[in-house]
Amino acid sequence: MISPEMLKVLKNQVLPVLDRVASSETDDNGNCVSHDAKDTAIKVRWVLCNEEIT
């Protein structure tokens, strides 16, 4: 279980990065973003968005 404080930090700081990875074709250095990276970002984002606050 994730504490409410940690969940808030994750949602505020990690979700924007996951969104960028999932929707970008290249990273900030111009390298291709792999399909595996996109799939992982989407899965992690789903878990964070559906995590219960305990």
PDB file of N, CA and C in Angstrom:
ATOM      1  N   MET A   1       0.834  -1.182   0.000  1.00  0.00           N
ATOM      2  CA  MET A   1       0.000   0.000   0.000  1.00  0.00           C
ATOM      3  C   MET A   1       0.886   1.254   0.000  1.00  0.00           C
ATOM      4  N   ILE A   2       0.404   2.279  -0.641  1.00  0.00           N
ATOM      5  CA  ILE A   2       1.134   3.540  -0.744  1.00  0.00           C
ATOM      6  C   ILE A   2       0.454   4.552   0.166  1.00  0.00           C
ATOM      7  N   SER A   3       1.262   5.278   0.932  1.00  0.00           N
ATOM      8  CA  SER A   3       0.692   6.294   1.814  1.00  0.00           C
ATOM      9  C   SER A   3       0.090   7.418   0.975  1.00  0.00           C
ATOM     10  N   PRO A   4      -0.904   8.128   1.515  1.00  0.00           N
ATOM     11  CA  PRO A   4      -1.512   9.243   0.760  1.00  0.00           C
ATOM     12  C   PRO A   4      -0.493  10.296   0.337  1.00  0.00           C
ATOM     13  N   GLU A   5       0.493  10.574   1.207  1.00  0.00           N
ATOM     14  CA  GLU A   5       1.508  11.577   0.874  1.00  0.00           C
ATOM     15  C   GLU A   5       2.366  11.124  -0.301  1.00  0.00           C
ATOM     16  N   MET A   6       2.775   9.854  -0.276  1.00  0.00           N
ATOM     17  CA  MET A   6       3.610   9.332  -1.360  1.00  0.00           C
ATOM     18  C   MET A   6       2.806   9.257  -2.651  1.00  0.00           C
ATOM     19  N   LEU A   7       1.554   8.867  -2.565  1.00  0.00           N
ATOM     20  CA  LEU A   7       0.716   8.793  -3.755  1.00  0.00           C
ATOM     21  C   LEU A   7       0.570  10.171  -4.394  1.00  0.00           C
ATOM     22  N   LYS A   8       0.411  11.190  -3.577  1.00  0.00           N
ATOM     23  CA  LYS A   8       0.298  12.562  -4.096  1.00  0.00           C
ATOM     24  C   LYS A   8       1.582  12.963  -4.824  1.00  0.00           C
ATOM     25  N   VAL A   9       2.735  12.665  -4.232  1.00  0.00           N
ATOM     26  CA  VAL A   9       4.023  12.974  -4.866  1.00  0.00           C
ATOM     27  C   VAL A   9       4.151  12.228  -6.187  1.00  0.00           C
ATOM     28  N   LEU A  10       3.822  10.945  -6.163  1.00  0.00           N
ATOM     29  CA  LEU A  10       3.924  10.154  -7.391  1.00  0.00           C
ATOM     30  C   LEU A  10       3.027  10.706  -8.489  1.00  0.00           C
ATOM     31  N   LYS A  11       1.793  11.045  -8.124  1.00  0.00           N
ATOM     32  CA  LYS A  11       0.871  11.560  -9.134  1.00  0.00           C
ATOM     33  C   LYS A  11       1.318  12.918  -9.667  1.00  0.00           C
ATOM     34  N   ASN A  12       1.861  13.765  -8.797  1.00  0.00           N
ATOM     35  CA  ASN A  12       2.277  15.103  -9.226  1.00  0.00           C
ATOM     36  C   ASN A  12       3.569  15.086 -10.034  1.00  0.00           C
ATOM     37  N   GLN A  13       4.496  14.187  -9.694  1.00  0.00           N
ATOM     38  CA  GLN A  13       5.813  14.231 -10.320  1.00  0.00           C
ATOM     39  C   GLN A  13       6.061  13.120 -11.325  1.00  0.00           C
ATOM     40  N   VAL A  14       5.456  11.968 -11.117  1.00  0.00           N
ATOM     41  CA  VAL A  14       5.736  10.838 -11.998  1.00  0.00           C
ATOM     42  C   VAL A  14       4.750  10.754 -13.166  1.00  0.00           C
ATOM     43  N   LEU A  15       3.486  11.049 -12.914  1.00  0.00           N
ATOM     44  CA  LEU A  15       2.501  10.940 -14.000  1.00  0.00           C
ATOM     45  C   LEU A  15       2.847  11.782 -15.221  1.00  0.00           C
ATOM     46  N   PRO A  16       3.287  13.039 -15.054  1.00  0.00           N
ATOM     47  CA  PRO A  16       3.645  13.805 -16.258  1.00  0.00           C
ATOM     48  C   PRO A  16       4.768  13.151 -17.078  1.00  0.00           C
ATOM     49  N   VAL A  17       5.720  12.546 -16.385  1.00  0.00           N
ATOM     50  CA  VAL A  17       6.818  11.865 -17.090  1.00  0.00           C
ATOM     51  C   VAL A  17       6.278  10.643 -17.820  1.00  0.00           C
ATOM     52  N   LEU A  18       5.433   9.870 -17.139  1.00  0.00           N
ATOM     53  CA  LEU A  18       4.849   8.684 -17.781  1.00  0.00           C
ATOM     54  C   LEU A  18       4.025   9.073 -18.999  1.00  0.00           C
ATOM     55  N   ASP A  19       3.283  10.164 -18.887  1.00  0.00           N
ATOM     56  CA  ASP A  19       2.492  10.639 -20.027  1.00  0.00           C
ATOM     57  C   ASP A  19       3.385  10.987 -21.211  1.00  0.00           C
ATOM     58  N   ARG A  20       4.508  11.654 -20.920  1.00  0.00           N
ATOM     59  CA  ARG A  20       5.437  12.025 -21.999  1.00  0.00           C
ATOM     60  C   ARG A  20       6.035  10.794 -22.656  1.00  0.00           C
ATOM     61  N   VAL A  21       6.421   9.806 -21.849  1.00  0.00           N
ATOM     62  CA  VAL A  21       7.012   8.587 -22.410  1.00  0.00           C
ATOM     63  C   VAL A  21       5.983   7.857 -23.271  1.00  0.00           C
ATOM     64  N   ALA A  22       4.767   7.759 -22.750  1.00  0.00           N
ATOM     65  CA  ALA A  22       3.731   7.006 -23.458  1.00  0.00           C
ATOM     66  C   ALA A  22       3.321   7.667 -24.770  1.00  0.00           C
ATOM     67  N   SER A  23       3.437   8.987 -24.857  1.00  0.00           N
ATOM     68  CA  SER A  23       2.944   9.684 -26.044  1.00  0.00           C
ATOM     69  C   SER A  23       4.038  10.190 -26.981  1.00  0.00           C
ATOM     70  N   SER A  24       5.307   9.981 -26.629  1.00  0.00           N
ATOM     71  CA  SER A  24       6.397  10.519 -27.443  1.00  0.00           C
ATOM     72  C   SER A  24       7.019   9.447 -28.329  1.00  0.00           C
ATOM     73  N   GLU A  25       7.484   9.895 -29.472  1.00  0.00           N
ATOM     74  CA  GLU A  25       8.230   9.005 -30.365  1.00  0.00           C
ATOM     75  C   GLU A  25       9.718   9.046 -30.055  1.00  0.00           C
ATOM     76  N   THR A  26      10.186  10.185 -29.511  1.00  0.00           N
ATOM     77  CA  THR A  26      11.596  10.320 -29.163  1.00  0.00           C
ATOM     78  C   THR A  26      11.734  10.924 -27.774  1.00  0.00           C
ATOM     79  N   ASP A  27      12.872  10.672 -27.133  1.00  0.00           N
ATOM     80  CA  ASP A  27      13.118  11.278 -25.829  1.00  0.00           C
ATOM     81  C   ASP A  27      13.755  12.657 -26.019  1.00  0.00           C
ATOM     82  N   ASP A  28      14.142  13.281 -24.917  1.00  0.00           N
ATOM     83  CA  ASP A  28      14.703  14.640 -24.987  1.00  0.00           C
ATOM     84  C   ASP A  28      16.008  14.705 -25.773  1.00  0.00           C
ATOM     85  N   ASN A  29      16.685  13.557 -25.943  1.00  0.00           N
ATOM     86  CA  ASN A  29      17.945  13.528 -26.684  1.00  0.00           C
ATOM     87  C   ASN A  29      17.765  13.075 -28.130  1.00  0.00           C
ATOM     88  N   GLY A  30      16.515  12.889 -28.534  1.00  0.00           N
ATOM     89  CA  GLY A  30      16.262  12.481 -29.912  1.00  0.00           C
ATOM     90  C   GLY A  30      16.305  10.986 -30.144  1.00  0.00           C
ATOM     91  N   ASN A  31      16.464  10.196 -29.072  1.00  0.00           N
ATOM     92  CA  ASN A  31      16.477   8.738 -29.212  1.00  0.00           C
ATOM     93  C   ASN A  31      15.048   8.215 -29.298  1.00  0.00           C
ATOM     94  N   CYS A  32      14.860   7.142 -30.051  1.00  0.00           N
ATOM     95  CA  CYS A  32      13.538   6.545 -30.178  1.00  0.00           C
ATOM     96  C   CYS A  32      13.086   5.957 -28.844  1.00  0.00           C
ATOM     97  N   VAL A  33      11.811   6.125 -28.563  1.00  0.00           N
ATOM     98  CA  VAL A  33      11.214   5.524 -27.372  1.00  0.00           C
ATOM     99  C   VAL A  33      10.669   4.159 -27.791  1.00  0.00           C
ATOM    100  N   SER A  34      11.127   3.101 -27.119  1.00  0.00           N
ATOM    101  CA  SER A  34      10.720   1.751 -27.504  1.00  0.00           C
ATOM    102  C   SER A  34       9.263   1.485 -27.141  1.00  0.00           C
ATOM    103  N   HIS A  35       8.690   0.512 -27.834  1.00  0.00           N
ATOM    104  CA  HIS A  35       7.313   0.117 -27.528  1.00  0.00           C
ATOM    105  C   HIS A  35       7.220  -0.442 -26.116  1.00  0.00           C
ATOM    106  N   ASP A  36       8.278  -1.143 -25.680  1.00  0.00           N
ATOM    107  CA  ASP A  36       8.293  -1.675 -24.311  1.00  0.00           C
ATOM    108  C   ASP A  36       8.236  -0.550 -23.288  1.00  0.00           C
ATOM    109  N   ALA A  37       8.978   0.524 -23.530  1.00  0.00           N
ATOM    110  CA  ALA A  37       8.960   1.667 -22.612  1.00  0.00           C
ATOM    111  C   ALA A  37       7.577   2.297 -22.578  1.00  0.00           C
ATOM    112  N   LYS A  38       6.959   2.423 -23.741  1.00  0.00           N
ATOM    113  CA  LYS A  38       5.610   2.992 -23.795  1.00  0.00           C
ATOM    114  C   LYS A  38       4.614   2.110 -23.057  1.00  0.00           C
ATOM    115  N   ASP A  39       4.684   0.805 -23.295  1.00  0.00           N
ATOM    116  CA  ASP A  39       3.772  -0.132 -22.632  1.00  0.00           C
ATOM    117  C   ASP A  39       3.953  -0.089 -21.120  1.00  0.00           C
ATOM    118  N   THR A  40       5.202  -0.049 -20.675  1.00  0.00           N
ATOM    119  CA  THR A  40       5.481   0.009 -19.236  1.00  0.00           C
ATOM    120  C   THR A  40       4.952   1.303 -18.641  1.00  0.00           C
ATOM    121  N   ALA A  41       5.165   2.415 -19.325  1.00  0.00           N
ATOM    122  CA  ALA A  41       4.669   3.708 -18.833  1.00  0.00           C
ATOM    123  C   ALA A  41       3.151   3.692 -18.702  1.00  0.00           C
ATOM    124  N   ILE A  42       2.469   3.108 -19.666  1.00  0.00           N
ATOM    125  CA  ILE A  42       1.006   3.037 -19.627  1.00  0.00           C
ATOM    126  C   ILE A  42       0.547   2.169 -18.458  1.00  0.00           C
ATOM    127  N   LYS A  43       1.229   1.043 -18.243  1.00  0.00           N
ATOM    128  CA  LYS A  43       0.845   0.143 -17.144  1.00  0.00           C
ATOM    129  C   LYS A  43       1.094   0.787 -15.784  1.00  0.00           C
ATOM    130  N   VAL A  44       2.248   1.436 -15.615  1.00  0.00           N
ATOM    131  CA  VAL A  44       2.558   2.088 -14.343  1.00  0.00           C
ATOM    132  C   VAL A  44       1.580   3.234 -14.098  1.00  0.00           C
ATOM    133  N   ARG A  45       1.260   3.975 -15.136  1.00  0.00           N
ATOM    134  CA  ARG A  45       0.307   5.073 -15.003  1.00  0.00           C
ATOM    135  C   ARG A  45      -1.050   4.541 -14.548  1.00  0.00           C
ATOM    136  N   TRP A  46      -1.493   3.431 -15.138  1.00  0.00           N
ATOM    137  CA  TRP A  46      -2.775   2.846 -14.762  1.00  0.00           C
ATOM    138  C   TRP A  46      -2.775   2.454 -13.280  1.00  0.00           C
ATOM    139  N   VAL A  47      -1.697   1.817 -12.831  1.00  0.00           N
ATOM    140  CA  VAL A  47      -1.608   1.404 -11.427  1.00  0.00           C
ATOM    141  C   VAL A  47      -1.675   2.623 -10.511  1.00  0.00           C
ATOM    142  N   LEU A  48      -0.914   3.672 -10.837  1.00  0.00           N
ATOM    143  CA  LEU A  48      -0.929   4.877  -9.995  1.00  0.00           C
ATOM    144  C   LEU A  48      -2.309   5.514  -9.947  1.00  0.00           C
ATOM    145  N   CYS A  49      -2.967   5.560 -11.078  1.00  0.00           N
ATOM    146  CA  CYS A  49      -4.280   6.206 -11.136  1.00  0.00           C
ATOM    147  C   CYS A  49      -5.364   5.386 -10.455  1.00  0.00           C
ATOM    148  N   ASN A  50      -5.125   4.098 -10.284  1.00  0.00           N
ATOM    149  CA  ASN A  50      -6.128   3.224  -9.690  1.00  0.00           C
ATOM    150  C   ASN A  50      -5.748   2.747  -8.290  1.00  0.00           C
ATOM    151  N   GLU A  51      -4.673   3.285  -7.751  1.00  0.00           N
ATOM    152  CA  GLU A  51      -4.221   2.907  -6.405  1.00  0.00           C
ATOM    153  C   GLU A  51      -5.175   3.467  -5.367  1.00  0.00           C
ATOM    154  N   GLU A  52      -5.547   2.630  -4.437  1.00  0.00           N
ATOM    155  CA  GLU A  52      -6.414   3.057  -3.338  1.00  0.00           C
ATOM    156  C   GLU A  52      -5.581   3.784  -2.289  1.00  0.00           C
ATOM    157  N   ILE A  53      -6.089   4.880  -1.798  1.00  0.00           N
ATOM    158  CA  ILE A  53      -5.435   5.579  -0.698  1.00  0.00           C
ATOM    159  C   ILE A  53      -5.900   4.924   0.599  1.00  0.00           C
ATOM    160  N   THR A  54      -4.928   4.500   1.380  1.00  0.00           N
ATOM    161  CA  THR A  54      -5.288   3.797   2.630  1.00  0.00           C
ATOM    162  C   THR A  54      -4.973   4.652   3.830  1.00  0.00           C
TER     163      THR A  54
END
